[in-house]
Amino acid sequence: MPSYDLKCRCGNQFNVSASLSDRTGKLILCPECGSNELEAVFKSVGIISSRKSPALPSCPNAHVCGGGCAH
């Protein structure tokens, strides 16, 4: 069962294990005030790689495309 970090309008933040249908059906209640108006709290995740990624080739048209094309 997934675990969610949630924040209520009353300011209470908490973690709860619940099914996706409980969350989408607004069946999870704030333990402080009982409201079901909850928002997900997103946290950053650190990722460590054991190898280096290959360098991407530079775009010869970066001045035109901003360097975001598939060259």
Protein backbone atom coordinates (compact mmCIF):
# COMPACT_ATOMS: atom_id res chain seq x y z
CA MET A 1 0.00 0.00 0.00
CA PRO A 2 1.45 3.40 -0.96
CA SER A 3 2.52 5.90 1.66
CA TYR A 4 1.56 9.56 1.19
CA ASP A 5 2.91 12.75 2.75
CA LEU A 6 -0.11 15.03 2.98
CA LYS A 7 -0.86 18.55 4.19
CA CYS A 8 -4.24 19.79 5.37
CA ARG A 9 -5.65 23.30 5.06
CA CYS A 10 -5.37 23.55 8.86
CA GLY A 11 -1.57 23.34 8.43
CA ASN A 12 -1.14 19.80 9.76
CA GLN A 13 1.31 17.63 7.79
CA PHE A 14 1.22 13.86 8.18
CA ASN A 15 2.13 10.57 6.53
CA VAL A 16 -0.45 7.89 5.88
CA SER A 17 -0.55 4.50 4.14
CA ALA A 18 -3.68 4.25 2.02
CA SER A 19 -4.89 2.86 -1.28
CA LEU A 20 -4.98 5.05 -4.37
CA SER A 21 -8.78 4.77 -4.42
CA ASP A 22 -8.92 6.06 -0.81
CA ARG A 23 -6.83 9.06 -1.84
CA THR A 24 -8.68 9.86 -5.07
CA GLY A 25 -12.03 9.26 -3.35
CA LYS A 26 -11.05 11.74 -0.60
CA LEU A 27 -11.51 9.07 2.07
CA ILE A 28 -8.34 10.07 3.96
CA LEU A 29 -9.05 12.47 6.81
CA CYS A 30 -6.75 14.87 8.62
CA PRO A 31 -6.04 13.48 12.10
CA GLU A 32 -6.18 17.03 13.55
CA CYS A 33 -9.39 18.52 12.11
CA GLY A 34 -11.05 15.67 10.17
CA SER A 35 -11.01 17.49 6.81
CA ASN A 36 -10.60 15.55 3.58
CA GLU A 37 -9.23 18.60 1.69
CA LEU A 38 -5.62 17.41 1.55
CA GLU A 39 -2.68 18.25 -0.71
CA ALA A 40 0.32 16.06 -1.52
CA VAL A 41 3.65 17.22 -0.10
CA PHE A 42 6.47 16.56 -2.54
CA LYS A 43 9.98 16.06 -1.23
CA SER A 44 13.24 16.07 -3.13
CA VAL A 45 14.99 12.75 -3.63
CA GLY A 46 18.74 12.33 -3.83
CA ILE A 47 19.93 10.03 -6.61
CA ILE A 48 23.41 8.57 -6.68
CA SER A 49 24.72 6.96 -9.84
CA SER A 50 27.52 4.43 -9.87
CA ARG A 51 28.75 5.46 -13.30
CA LYS A 52 29.07 8.62 -15.32
CA SER A 53 26.61 9.36 -18.11
CA PRO A 54 28.15 9.77 -21.55
CA ALA A 55 28.56 13.40 -22.61
CA LEU A 56 25.98 14.60 -25.08
CA PRO A 57 27.31 16.12 -28.30
CA SER A 58 26.89 19.87 -28.53
CA CYS A 59 24.38 21.21 -31.00
CA PRO A 60 25.91 23.05 -33.96
CA ASN A 61 22.77 25.22 -34.13
CA ALA A 62 22.48 26.05 -30.40
CA HIS A 63 22.31 29.75 -31.26
CA VAL A 64 19.05 29.02 -33.18
CA CYS A 65 17.39 26.20 -31.23
CA GLY A 66 18.69 27.01 -27.76
CA GLY A 67 20.55 23.70 -27.58
CA GLY A 68 17.38 21.67 -26.98
CA CYS A 69 17.14 19.97 -30.37
CA ALA A 70 18.01 16.35 -31.09
CA HIS A 71 21.30 16.98 -33.01
